């Protein structure tokens, strides 16, 4: 012992630890349950990495995870896939049996195929390569590397116009991945637009089970938001002094989306830490929201009395959603 006082963690160090915390919700359980249904069992009843084949064993099925931007779907899917033992490390390659590719907008069938090949250890693709040859190579590499699940994130960006030729080609590509001598389970994640688009092709639509997490609602989810706020603040060494109405403001400011509300809570805690405060208060949410939105004080949901009338720049829902009675669904805040 040197007799020196222990070093106090900096705000940056505390925030780094808080950002590592993952709060489990029913969406992860729903995804895991669906995954278990998509993969075959061995004789001992254990789920394997081999996909179940439907329709006279000619095709696999997939999952469409649909939620607004900032809802937390990408984190939920990644955490669930990493924890799904049947798709863990392939002993022959040392790599997982699942592949993630994020659609870069604007996307074409060719660009998506090239991006997927990069993930499959093919860095160079000739400019003269035909699109069908690129996707033949994708399927071949999936088979060679033993990949049996492909996750396409931001999948709504695969489709430019609902009836464009490129969109029809994308539908054909999805069907192709789920058929043949090495069909894979396909997970699509994206915004509400993804559901609208996939419903245009009956064959694609029937092959995908849907997960559509509900948005957070006033009253129904206030206890959840409060529990998460208190749990994070406690980890940061802060007390909490906010009114019940603040929970409604957090939900509204987060566009009623789970992930965005978590992000806002963390930014408010960060503001309190930099303020050298011992208690998380409404003013810290006001500071955090103002910095994130770059708005005038009159447009700050945490600063004005008539906050329900504020329309946020990227709102996709009405400014004042209906207040719901408390639902039976319970989500524990495990921070």
Protein backbone atom coordinates (compact mmCIF):
# COMPACT_ATOMS: atom_id res chain seq x y z
CA UNK A 1 0.00 0.00 0.00
CA UNK A 2 1.34 3.42 -0.93
CA UNK A 3 -1.11 5.41 1.16
CA UNK A 4 -2.36 7.26 -1.91
CA UNK A 5 -6.07 7.80 -2.39
CA UNK A 6 -7.58 5.53 -5.09
CA UNK A 7 -7.88 7.12 -8.50
CA UNK A 8 -11.37 8.28 -9.43
CA UNK A 9 -12.59 7.06 -12.81
CA UNK A 10 -12.93 9.75 -15.45
CA UNK A 11 -16.27 10.40 -17.17
CA UNK A 12 -14.83 8.81 -20.33
CA UNK A 13 -13.85 5.65 -18.46
CA UNK A 14 -17.26 5.38 -16.80
CA UNK A 15 -19.08 5.89 -20.10
CA UNK A 16 -16.93 3.26 -21.77
CA UNK A 17 -18.09 0.74 -19.17
CA UNK A 18 -21.74 1.78 -19.45
CA UNK A 19 -21.72 1.39 -23.24
CA UNK A 20 -20.67 -2.23 -22.82
CA UNK A 21 -23.84 -3.03 -20.88
CA UNK A 22 -26.50 -4.88 -22.86
CA UNK A 23 -30.08 -4.89 -21.64
CA UNK A 24 -31.88 -8.05 -22.62
CA UNK A 25 -35.46 -7.76 -23.81
CA UNK A 26 -38.09 -10.17 -25.21
CA UNK A 27 -36.80 -9.52 -28.73
CA UNK A 28 -33.67 -11.59 -28.06
CA UNK A 29 -35.74 -14.46 -26.68
CA UNK A 30 -38.06 -14.32 -29.70
CA UNK A 31 -35.12 -14.35 -32.09
CA UNK A 32 -33.44 -17.27 -30.32
CA UNK A 33 -36.69 -19.25 -30.41
CA UNK A 34 -37.06 -18.64 -34.13
CA UNK A 35 -33.45 -19.62 -34.76
CA UNK A 36 -33.96 -22.91 -32.94
CA UNK A 37 -36.89 -23.61 -35.27
CA UNK A 38 -34.78 -22.86 -38.36
CA UNK A 39 -32.05 -25.39 -37.61
CA UNK A 40 -32.34 -29.19 -37.47
CA UNK A 41 -31.83 -31.31 -34.36
CA UNK A 42 -29.51 -34.30 -34.13
CA UNK A 43 -30.57 -37.69 -32.80
CA UNK A 44 -29.96 -36.48 -29.25
CA UNK A 45 -32.35 -33.55 -29.65
CA UNK A 46 -29.60 -30.94 -29.85
CA UNK A 47 -29.93 -28.08 -32.31
CA UNK A 48 -27.28 -28.27 -35.05
CA UNK A 49 -25.91 -25.79 -37.60
CA UNK A 50 -27.76 -27.54 -40.42
CA UNK A 51 -30.85 -25.62 -41.59
CA UNK A 52 -34.26 -27.25 -41.59
CA UNK A 53 -35.45 -27.74 -45.17
CA UNK A 54 -39.07 -27.05 -45.98
CA UNK A 55 -41.29 -27.70 -49.01
CA UNK A 56 -40.17 -31.25 -49.73
CA UNK A 57 -36.71 -30.41 -48.32
CA UNK A 58 -36.04 -27.99 -51.19
CA UNK A 59 -35.65 -24.69 -49.33
CA UNK A 60 -34.84 -23.04 -46.03
CA UNK A 61 -36.79 -20.30 -44.27
CA UNK A 62 -35.61 -17.01 -42.80
CA UNK A 63 -36.33 -14.25 -40.33
CA UNK A 64 -37.19 -10.61 -40.94
CA UNK A 65 -36.42 -8.37 -37.95
CA UNK A 66 -38.30 -5.14 -38.54
CA UNK A 67 -37.98 -2.03 -36.39
CA UNK A 68 -37.54 1.69 -36.83
CA UNK A 69 -34.09 3.25 -36.97
CA UNK A 70 -32.50 3.41 -33.53
CA UNK A 71 -34.66 0.68 -32.02
CA UNK A 72 -31.71 -1.52 -31.14
CA UNK A 73 -32.30 -4.38 -33.59
CA UNK A 74 -28.70 -4.60 -34.85
CA UNK A 75 -27.29 -4.97 -31.33
CA UNK A 76 -29.99 -7.49 -30.40
CA UNK A 77 -29.30 -9.66 -33.45
CA UNK A 78 -25.52 -9.54 -33.07
CA UNK A 79 -25.66 -10.45 -29.38
CA UNK A 80 -28.10 -13.29 -30.03
CA UNK A 81 -26.10 -14.78 -32.91
CA UNK A 82 -22.86 -14.62 -30.94
CA UNK A 83 -24.53 -16.53 -28.11
CA UNK A 84 -26.20 -19.12 -30.37
CA UNK A 85 -24.00 -22.18 -29.87
CA UNK A 86 -24.96 -24.11 -33.05
CA UNK A 87 -23.51 -21.27 -35.15
CA UNK A 88 -20.39 -20.74 -33.07
CA UNK A 89 -16.90 -21.44 -34.36
CA UNK A 90 -16.56 -23.90 -37.24
CA UNK A 91 -13.59 -26.11 -36.23
CA UNK A 92 -12.50 -26.39 -39.87
CA UNK A 93 -12.23 -22.62 -40.43
CA UNK A 94 -11.98 -21.10 -36.97
CA UNK A 95 -14.78 -18.71 -37.98
CA UNK A 96 -18.46 -18.50 -36.98
CA UNK A 97 -21.01 -20.28 -39.13
CA UNK A 98 -22.91 -17.02 -39.64
CA UNK A 99 -22.07 -14.04 -41.80
CA UNK A 100 -23.15 -10.41 -41.45
CA UNK A 101 -23.20 -7.96 -44.31
CA UNK A 102 -24.51 -4.41 -44.12
CA UNK A 103 -26.18 -2.99 -47.21
CA UNK A 104 -24.48 0.20 -48.33
CA UNK A 105 -26.87 2.63 -50.01
CA UNK A 106 -27.25 2.97 -52.92
CA UNK A 107 -27.04 -0.77 -53.39
CA UNK A 108 -27.14 -2.94 -56.48
CA UNK A 109 -27.18 -6.69 -56.77
CA UNK A 110 -23.59 -6.51 -57.96
CA UNK A 111 -22.33 -4.26 -55.15
CA UNK A 112 -24.04 -6.40 -52.50
CA UNK A 113 -22.50 -9.54 -53.97
CA UNK A 114 -19.03 -7.98 -54.03
CA UNK A 115 -19.40 -6.82 -50.42
CA UNK A 116 -20.47 -10.30 -49.38
CA UNK A 117 -17.48 -11.85 -51.17
CA UNK A 118 -15.15 -9.59 -49.20
CA UNK A 119 -16.65 -11.05 -46.03
CA UNK A 120 -16.06 -14.49 -47.55
CA UNK A 121 -12.33 -13.80 -48.08
CA UNK A 122 -12.51 -12.88 -51.78
CA UNK A 123 -11.07 -9.35 -52.01
CA UNK A 124 -10.77 -8.92 -55.76
CA UNK A 125 -13.65 -9.27 -58.21
CA UNK A 126 -13.12 -8.47 -61.88
CA UNK A 127 -15.07 -5.53 -63.26
CA UNK A 128 -16.01 -7.84 -66.13
CA UNK A 129 -17.54 -10.46 -63.85
CA UNK A 130 -21.21 -11.06 -64.55
CA UNK A 131 -23.66 -10.58 -61.72
CA UNK A 132 -24.82 -14.20 -61.89
CA UNK A 133 -21.20 -15.37 -61.66
CA UNK A 134 -20.64 -13.21 -58.58
CA UNK A 135 -23.60 -14.80 -56.81
CA UNK A 136 -22.59 -18.30 -57.91
CA UNK A 137 -19.25 -17.58 -56.21
CA UNK A 138 -21.03 -16.28 -53.10
CA UNK A 139 -22.98 -19.54 -52.77
CA UNK A 140 -19.82 -21.58 -53.39
CA UNK A 141 -17.88 -19.71 -50.71
CA UNK A 142 -20.72 -20.10 -48.23
CA UNK A 143 -20.57 -23.85 -48.78
CA UNK A 144 -16.77 -24.06 -48.56
CA UNK A 145 -16.63 -22.03 -45.33
CA UNK A 146 -19.56 -23.89 -43.80
CA UNK A 147 -21.65 -20.75 -43.32
CA UNK A 148 -25.31 -21.65 -42.81
CA UNK A 149 -26.81 -18.29 -41.83
CA UNK A 150 -26.49 -14.98 -43.68
CA UNK A 151 -27.58 -11.80 -41.94
CA UNK A 152 -28.28 -8.81 -44.21
CA UNK A 153 -28.50 -5.61 -42.16
CA UNK A 154 -30.22 -2.42 -43.39
CA UNK A 155 -31.97 -4.73 -45.85
CA UNK A 156 -34.53 -2.09 -46.86
CA UNK A 157 -31.73 -0.40 -48.82
CA UNK A 158 -31.55 -3.38 -51.18
CA UNK A 159 -34.79 -2.21 -52.73
CA UNK A 160 -34.90 1.12 -54.55
CA UNK A 161 -38.37 1.08 -56.05
CA UNK A 162 -41.08 -1.43 -55.29
CA UNK A 163 -41.53 -2.73 -58.84
CA UNK A 164 -38.12 -1.93 -60.35
CA UNK A 165 -36.21 -4.68 -62.16
CA UNK A 166 -33.41 -4.46 -59.58
CA UNK A 167 -35.91 -5.14 -56.81
CA UNK A 168 -37.17 -8.24 -58.59
CA UNK A 169 -33.55 -9.37 -58.99
CA UNK A 170 -33.01 -8.91 -55.25
CA UNK A 171 -36.05 -11.13 -54.56
CA UNK A 172 -34.61 -13.77 -56.89
CA UNK A 173 -31.25 -13.58 -55.11
CA UNK A 174 -32.87 -14.15 -51.70
CA UNK A 175 -34.71 -17.19 -53.02
CA UNK A 176 -31.45 -18.47 -54.54
CA UNK A 177 -29.61 -18.28 -51.21
CA UNK A 178 -32.34 -20.36 -49.60
CA UNK A 179 -32.32 -23.09 -52.26
CA UNK A 180 -29.79 -25.33 -54.00
CA UNK A 181 -27.20 -27.78 -52.66
CA UNK A 182 -26.19 -25.46 -49.77
CA UNK A 183 -29.22 -23.41 -48.78
CA UNK A 184 -28.76 -21.03 -45.86
CA UNK A 185 -31.04 -19.36 -43.36
CA UNK A 186 -31.34 -15.66 -44.22
CA UNK A 187 -31.94 -12.99 -41.59
CA UNK A 188 -33.05 -9.61 -42.89
CA UNK A 189 -33.06 -6.59 -40.57
CA UNK A 190 -34.38 -3.19 -41.46
CA UNK A 191 -36.97 -0.49 -40.99
CA UNK A 192 -40.73 -0.72 -41.49
CA UNK A 193 -40.18 -0.23 -45.22
CA UNK A 194 -38.66 -3.71 -45.37
CA UNK A 195 -41.98 -5.28 -44.35
CA UNK A 196 -43.83 -3.37 -47.04
CA UNK A 197 -41.38 -4.44 -49.73
CA UNK A 198 -41.04 -8.12 -48.85
CA UNK A 199 -44.83 -8.42 -48.81
CA UNK A 200 -44.83 -7.64 -52.55
CA UNK A 201 -43.39 -11.07 -53.38
CA UNK A 202 -45.60 -13.84 -52.00
CA UNK A 203 -42.86 -16.49 -52.18
CA UNK A 204 -40.36 -14.32 -50.32
CA UNK A 205 -42.94 -13.19 -47.77
CA UNK A 206 -44.06 -16.71 -46.81
CA UNK A 207 -40.47 -17.82 -46.22
CA UNK A 208 -39.76 -15.17 -43.60
CA UNK A 209 -41.05 -15.21 -40.05
CA UNK A 210 -41.39 -11.67 -38.71
CA UNK A 211 -40.19 -10.03 -35.51
CA UNK A 212 -41.65 -6.56 -35.06
CA UNK A 213 -40.85 -5.24 -31.55
CA UNK A 214 -43.48 -2.79 -30.29
CA UNK A 215 -42.49 0.81 -29.76
CA UNK A 216 -42.24 2.14 -26.24
CA UNK A 217 -45.47 3.73 -25.07
CA UNK A 218 -46.43 6.20 -22.38
CA UNK A 219 -47.65 4.53 -19.18
CA UNK A 220 -47.02 0.98 -20.43
CA UNK A 221 -43.23 1.38 -20.47
CA UNK A 222 -42.60 4.13 -17.91
CA UNK A 223 -41.47 1.69 -15.22
CA UNK A 224 -39.03 0.09 -17.65
CA UNK A 225 -37.52 3.44 -18.63
CA UNK A 226 -37.23 4.49 -15.00
CA UNK A 227 -35.61 1.19 -13.99
CA UNK A 228 -33.05 1.47 -16.78
CA UNK A 229 -32.27 5.08 -15.89
CA UNK A 230 -31.76 4.22 -12.22
CA UNK A 231 -29.64 1.15 -13.04
CA UNK A 232 -27.30 3.04 -15.37
CA UNK A 233 -27.05 6.01 -13.01
CA UNK A 234 -26.17 3.70 -10.13
CA UNK A 235 -23.36 2.13 -12.17
CA UNK A 236 -22.08 5.64 -12.84
CA UNK A 237 -22.20 6.50 -9.13
CA UNK A 238 -25.13 8.89 -9.48
CA UNK A 239 -28.39 9.28 -7.66
CA UNK A 240 -31.54 10.04 -9.66
CA UNK A 241 -33.91 12.93 -9.11
CA UNK A 242 -36.36 13.11 -12.00
CA UNK A 243 -40.14 13.19 -12.00
CA UNK A 244 -42.44 10.54 -13.43
CA UNK A 245 -43.18 12.90 -16.32
CA UNK A 246 -39.52 12.76 -17.31
CA UNK A 247 -39.99 9.12 -18.31
CA UNK A 248 -42.61 10.25 -20.83
CA UNK A 249 -40.24 12.90 -22.12
CA UNK A 250 -37.48 10.32 -22.55
CA UNK A 251 -39.81 8.05 -24.52
CA UNK A 252 -40.93 10.93 -26.72
CA UNK A 253 -37.40 12.29 -27.24
CA UNK A 254 -36.24 8.77 -28.15
CA UNK A 255 -38.94 8.53 -30.81
CA UNK A 256 -40.53 5.72 -28.77
CA UNK A 257 -37.64 3.43 -29.71
CA UNK A 258 -35.81 1.35 -27.17
CA UNK A 259 -32.29 1.90 -28.49
CA UNK A 260 -32.67 5.64 -28.87
CA UNK A 261 -34.02 5.99 -25.35
CA UNK A 262 -31.02 4.07 -24.00
CA UNK A 263 -28.69 6.32 -25.98
CA UNK A 264 -30.36 9.46 -24.59
CA UNK A 265 -30.18 8.18 -21.01
CA UNK A 266 -26.45 7.52 -21.42
CA UNK A 267 -25.86 11.00 -22.90
CA UNK A 268 -27.69 12.57 -19.94
CA UNK A 269 -25.52 10.61 -17.52
CA UNK A 270 -22.45 11.75 -19.42
CA UNK A 271 -23.61 15.37 -19.09
CA UNK A 272 -24.07 14.89 -15.34
CA UNK A 273 -20.58 13.39 -14.97
CA UNK A 274 -18.99 16.29 -16.83
CA UNK A 275 -21.01 18.64 -14.65
CA UNK A 276 -19.42 16.91 -11.64
CA UNK A 277 -22.94 16.35 -10.33
CA UNK A 278 -23.81 13.68 -7.80
CA UNK A 279 -27.42 13.41 -8.95
CA UNK A 280 -28.91 12.88 -12.43
CA UNK A 281 -31.58 15.54 -12.97
CA UNK A 282 -33.89 16.86 -15.67
CA UNK A 283 -31.37 19.57 -16.63
CA UNK A 284 -28.90 16.90 -17.72
CA UNK A 285 -31.44 15.44 -20.13
CA UNK A 286 -32.08 18.97 -21.40
CA UNK A 287 -28.34 19.44 -22.04
CA UNK A 288 -27.97 16.04 -23.70
CA UNK A 289 -31.00 16.46 -25.95
CA UNK A 290 -30.00 19.99 -26.94
CA UNK A 291 -26.53 18.86 -28.01
CA UNK A 292 -27.80 15.85 -29.93
CA UNK A 293 -30.61 17.66 -31.72
CA UNK A 294 -28.92 21.05 -32.11
CA UNK A 295 -32.28 22.66 -31.37
CA UNK A 296 -33.41 25.94 -29.86
CA UNK A 297 -34.54 25.88 -26.23
CA UNK A 298 -38.14 26.27 -27.41
CA UNK A 299 -37.81 22.96 -29.31
CA UNK A 300 -36.17 21.07 -26.44
CA UNK A 301 -38.51 18.40 -25.11
CA UNK A 302 -36.89 18.60 -21.66
CA UNK A 303 -37.05 22.39 -21.41
CA UNK A 304 -40.63 23.41 -22.18
CA UNK A 305 -43.97 22.69 -20.53
CA UNK A 306 -45.82 22.05 -23.80
CA UNK A 307 -43.34 19.40 -24.96
CA UNK A 308 -46.00 17.14 -26.48
CA UNK A 309 -46.55 19.68 -29.29
CA UNK A 310 -42.93 19.52 -30.45
CA UNK A 311 -42.44 17.80 -33.80
CA UNK A 312 -38.96 16.32 -34.12
CA UNK A 313 -37.11 16.43 -37.46
CA UNK A 314 -37.16 12.69 -38.14
CA UNK A 315 -40.46 11.78 -36.53
CA UNK A 316 -42.18 8.85 -38.22
CA UNK A 317 -45.04 8.71 -35.73
CA UNK A 318 -47.54 11.34 -34.52
CA UNK A 319 -46.14 13.72 -31.91
CA UNK A 320 -48.62 12.56 -29.28
CA UNK A 321 -49.21 8.80 -29.46
CA UNK A 322 -52.07 7.22 -27.64
CA UNK A 323 -51.48 6.52 -23.96
CA UNK A 324 -51.79 2.78 -23.34
CA UNK A 325 -52.85 0.91 -20.26
CA UNK A 326 -50.09 -1.16 -18.72
CA UNK A 327 -49.58 -4.27 -20.77
CA UNK A 328 -48.88 -7.73 -19.50
CA UNK A 329 -45.45 -7.74 -21.16
CA UNK A 330 -42.68 -7.15 -18.65
CA UNK A 331 -39.14 -6.29 -19.60
CA UNK A 332 -36.60 -6.42 -16.86
CA UNK A 333 -33.81 -3.91 -16.93
CA UNK A 334 -30.69 -5.98 -16.53
CA UNK A 335 -27.99 -3.38 -16.60
